[in-house]
């Protein structure tokens, strides 16, 4: 099976990259999180996470981040292969089961999510 972790090139790291995605990216809303997606010229998709202290304790925030990384890793094939994605967790994400993360993430990417979508 090999190593299935996200590679370092698949992570957004610098504040400038986050800022660019927030300002220029397409905003997709769901009850658990907000996705910002920006097509890029990179040869791969990259993920950035924003999980506020309002979500909960460090244990809860880390659990939310682990689940979001896993959903991205498993379903990044639904993305345009050249996109930067920033996921901003909402407070409902703290108590949601992992299956709901997958359902909402895939729903947003397929455009079938019942939540609002904004440009």
C-alpha atoms as a PDB file:
ATOM      1  CA  UNK A   1       0.000   0.000   0.000  1.00  0.00           C
ATOM      2  CA  UNK A   2       2.843   2.395   0.691  1.00  0.00           C
ATOM      3  CA  UNK A   3       2.775   5.744   2.382  1.00  0.00           C
ATOM      4  CA  UNK A   4      -0.634   7.403   1.980  1.00  0.00           C
ATOM      5  CA  UNK A   5       0.028  10.576   3.968  1.00  0.00           C
ATOM      6  CA  UNK A   6      -0.340  14.001   2.418  1.00  0.00           C
ATOM      7  CA  UNK A   7       2.979  15.009   0.933  1.00  0.00           C
ATOM      8  CA  UNK A   8       4.506  18.313   1.948  1.00  0.00           C
ATOM      9  CA  UNK A   9       3.836  19.688  -1.548  1.00  0.00           C
ATOM     10  CA  UNK A  10       0.114  19.024  -0.944  1.00  0.00           C
ATOM     11  CA  UNK A  11      -0.074  21.469   1.989  1.00  0.00           C
ATOM     12  CA  UNK A  12      -0.508  25.228   1.985  1.00  0.00           C
ATOM     13  CA  UNK A  13       2.081  26.688   4.301  1.00  0.00           C
ATOM     14  CA  UNK A  14       2.676  30.421   3.892  1.00  0.00           C
ATOM     15  CA  UNK A  15       0.202  33.129   4.937  1.00  0.00           C
ATOM     16  CA  UNK A  16       0.404  34.708   1.481  1.00  0.00           C
ATOM     17  CA  UNK A  17      -1.013  31.530  -0.105  1.00  0.00           C
ATOM     18  CA  UNK A  18      -3.893  31.441   2.390  1.00  0.00           C
ATOM     19  CA  UNK A  19      -4.632  35.121   1.780  1.00  0.00           C
ATOM     20  CA  UNK A  20      -4.671  34.612  -1.997  1.00  0.00           C
ATOM     21  CA  UNK A  21      -7.148  31.706  -1.718  1.00  0.00           C
ATOM     22  CA  UNK A  22      -9.398  33.663   0.668  1.00  0.00           C
ATOM     23  CA  UNK A  23      -9.445  36.718  -1.609  1.00  0.00           C
ATOM     24  CA  UNK A  24      -9.646  35.109  -5.046  1.00  0.00           C
ATOM     25  CA  UNK A  25     -11.101  31.649  -4.420  1.00  0.00           C
ATOM     26  CA  UNK A  26     -14.643  30.402  -4.860  1.00  0.00           C
ATOM     27  CA  UNK A  27     -16.483  30.082  -1.545  1.00  0.00           C
ATOM     28  CA  UNK A  28     -18.627  26.987  -0.896  1.00  0.00           C
ATOM     29  CA  UNK A  29     -20.689  26.720   2.299  1.00  0.00           C
ATOM     30  CA  UNK A  30     -21.852  23.717   4.302  1.00  0.00           C
ATOM     31  CA  UNK A  31     -23.022  23.306   7.915  1.00  0.00           C
ATOM     32  CA  UNK A  32     -19.636  21.879   9.027  1.00  0.00           C
ATOM     33  CA  UNK A  33     -17.144  23.993   7.097  1.00  0.00           C
ATOM     34  CA  UNK A  34     -16.503  26.607   4.439  1.00  0.00           C
ATOM     35  CA  UNK A  35     -14.400  25.622   1.423  1.00  0.00           C
ATOM     36  CA  UNK A  36     -12.380  28.156  -0.530  1.00  0.00           C
ATOM     37  CA  UNK A  37     -11.164  26.746  -3.857  1.00  0.00           C
ATOM     38  CA  UNK A  38      -8.768  28.500  -6.215  1.00  0.00           C
ATOM     39  CA  UNK A  39      -7.450  26.934  -9.447  1.00  0.00           C
ATOM     40  CA  UNK A  40      -3.659  27.262  -9.748  1.00  0.00           C
ATOM     41  CA  UNK A  41      -0.836  26.384 -12.113  1.00  0.00           C
ATOM     42  CA  UNK A  42       0.660  23.903  -9.611  1.00  0.00           C
ATOM     43  CA  UNK A  43       0.797  20.249 -10.770  1.00  0.00           C
ATOM     44  CA  UNK A  44      -1.148  19.094  -7.685  1.00  0.00           C
ATOM     45  CA  UNK A  45      -3.880  20.193  -5.274  1.00  0.00           C
ATOM     46  CA  UNK A  46      -2.896  21.721  -1.928  1.00  0.00           C
ATOM     47  CA  UNK A  47      -4.816  21.848   1.349  1.00  0.00           C
ATOM     48  CA  UNK A  48      -4.878  24.514   4.029  1.00  0.00           C
ATOM     49  CA  UNK A  49      -6.832  24.292   7.295  1.00  0.00           C
ATOM     50  CA  UNK A  50      -8.205  27.010   9.550  1.00  0.00           C
ATOM     51  CA  UNK A  51      -9.637  25.724  12.837  1.00  0.00           C
ATOM     52  CA  UNK A  52     -10.339  28.425  15.405  1.00  0.00           C
ATOM     53  CA  UNK A  53     -10.094  28.076  19.171  1.00  0.00           C
ATOM     54  CA  UNK A  54     -13.856  28.684  19.231  1.00  0.00           C
ATOM     55  CA  UNK A  55     -14.254  25.126  17.908  1.00  0.00           C
ATOM     56  CA  UNK A  56     -13.085  23.643  21.207  1.00  0.00           C
ATOM     57  CA  UNK A  57     -10.067  22.413  23.115  1.00  0.00           C
ATOM     58  CA  UNK A  58      -6.826  21.395  21.410  1.00  0.00           C
ATOM     59  CA  UNK A  59      -7.972  17.772  21.400  1.00  0.00           C
ATOM     60  CA  UNK A  60     -11.176  18.671  19.564  1.00  0.00           C
ATOM     61  CA  UNK A  61      -9.410  20.996  17.091  1.00  0.00           C
ATOM     62  CA  UNK A  62      -6.809  18.341  16.273  1.00  0.00           C
ATOM     63  CA  UNK A  63      -9.552  15.742  15.715  1.00  0.00           C
ATOM     64  CA  UNK A  64     -11.335  18.113  13.327  1.00  0.00           C
ATOM     65  CA  UNK A  65      -8.070  18.730  11.432  1.00  0.00           C
ATOM     66  CA  UNK A  66      -7.305  14.998  11.192  1.00  0.00           C
ATOM     67  CA  UNK A  67     -10.761  14.322   9.775  1.00  0.00           C
ATOM     68  CA  UNK A  68     -10.510  17.154   7.260  1.00  0.00           C
ATOM     69  CA  UNK A  69      -7.072  16.012   6.075  1.00  0.00           C
ATOM     70  CA  UNK A  70      -8.357  12.458   5.661  1.00  0.00           C
ATOM     71  CA  UNK A  71     -11.401  13.555   3.665  1.00  0.00           C
ATOM     72  CA  UNK A  72      -9.186  15.680   1.424  1.00  0.00           C
ATOM     73  CA  UNK A  73      -6.670  12.861   0.967  1.00  0.00           C
ATOM     74  CA  UNK A  74      -9.338  10.344  -0.005  1.00  0.00           C
ATOM     75  CA  UNK A  75     -11.397  12.604  -2.255  1.00  0.00           C
ATOM     76  CA  UNK A  76      -8.897  15.001  -3.834  1.00  0.00           C
ATOM     77  CA  UNK A  77      -9.562  13.240  -7.128  1.00  0.00           C
ATOM     78  CA  UNK A  78     -12.921  15.107  -7.233  1.00  0.00           C
ATOM     79  CA  UNK A  79     -11.008  18.396  -7.406  1.00  0.00           C
ATOM     80  CA  UNK A  80      -9.584  20.013 -10.453  1.00  0.00           C
ATOM     81  CA  UNK A  81      -6.046  18.560 -10.246  1.00  0.00           C
ATOM     82  CA  UNK A  82      -4.622  22.066 -10.016  1.00  0.00           C
ATOM     83  CA  UNK A  83      -6.443  23.706  -7.080  1.00  0.00           C
ATOM     84  CA  UNK A  84      -5.613  25.209  -3.712  1.00  0.00           C
ATOM     85  CA  UNK A  85      -8.243  24.457  -1.063  1.00  0.00           C
ATOM     86  CA  UNK A  86      -8.628  26.144   2.320  1.00  0.00           C
ATOM     87  CA  UNK A  87     -11.132  24.605   4.728  1.00  0.00           C
ATOM     88  CA  UNK A  88     -12.464  26.783   7.554  1.00  0.00           C
ATOM     89  CA  UNK A  89     -14.133  24.648  10.218  1.00  0.00           C
ATOM     90  CA  UNK A  90     -17.414  25.737  11.779  1.00  0.00           C
ATOM     91  CA  UNK A  91     -18.437  24.958  15.348  1.00  0.00           C
ATOM     92  CA  UNK A  92     -20.776  22.145  14.226  1.00  0.00           C
ATOM     93  CA  UNK A  93     -17.702  20.215  13.031  1.00  0.00           C
ATOM     94  CA  UNK A  94     -16.652  19.529  16.628  1.00  0.00           C
ATOM     95  CA  UNK A  95     -19.432  17.006  17.283  1.00  0.00           C
ATOM     96  CA  UNK A  96     -20.119  15.629  13.797  1.00  0.00           C
ATOM     97  CA  UNK A  97     -19.278  12.032  12.860  1.00  0.00           C
ATOM     98  CA  UNK A  98     -16.615  11.423  10.212  1.00  0.00           C
ATOM     99  CA  UNK A  99     -19.177  10.195   7.668  1.00  0.00           C
ATOM    100  CA  UNK A 100     -20.846  13.624   7.642  1.00  0.00           C
ATOM    101  CA  UNK A 101     -17.499  15.283   6.818  1.00  0.00           C
ATOM    102  CA  UNK A 102     -17.163  13.043   3.765  1.00  0.00           C
ATOM    103  CA  UNK A 103     -20.767  13.551   2.700  1.00  0.00           C
ATOM    104  CA  UNK A 104     -20.580  17.348   2.856  1.00  0.00           C
ATOM    105  CA  UNK A 105     -17.098  17.630   1.310  1.00  0.00           C
ATOM    106  CA  UNK A 106     -18.043  15.441  -1.650  1.00  0.00           C
ATOM    107  CA  UNK A 107     -21.414  17.154  -1.968  1.00  0.00           C
ATOM    108  CA  UNK A 108     -19.791  20.578  -2.204  1.00  0.00           C
ATOM    109  CA  UNK A 109     -17.280  19.419  -4.791  1.00  0.00           C
ATOM    110  CA  UNK A 110     -19.978  17.786  -6.889  1.00  0.00           C
ATOM    111  CA  UNK A 111     -22.229  20.830  -6.586  1.00  0.00           C
ATOM    112  CA  UNK A 112     -25.118  18.834  -5.124  1.00  0.00           C
ATOM    113  CA  UNK A 113     -24.845  20.193  -1.595  1.00  0.00           C
ATOM    114  CA  UNK A 114     -28.088  21.723  -0.363  1.00  0.00           C
ATOM    115  CA  UNK A 115     -26.149  24.519   1.393  1.00  0.00           C
ATOM    116  CA  UNK A 116     -25.615  27.933  -0.183  1.00  0.00           C
ATOM    117  CA  UNK A 117     -22.798  28.526  -2.592  1.00  0.00           C
ATOM    118  CA  UNK A 118     -21.261  31.948  -3.106  1.00  0.00           C
ATOM    119  CA  UNK A 119     -18.742  33.249  -5.576  1.00  0.00           C
END
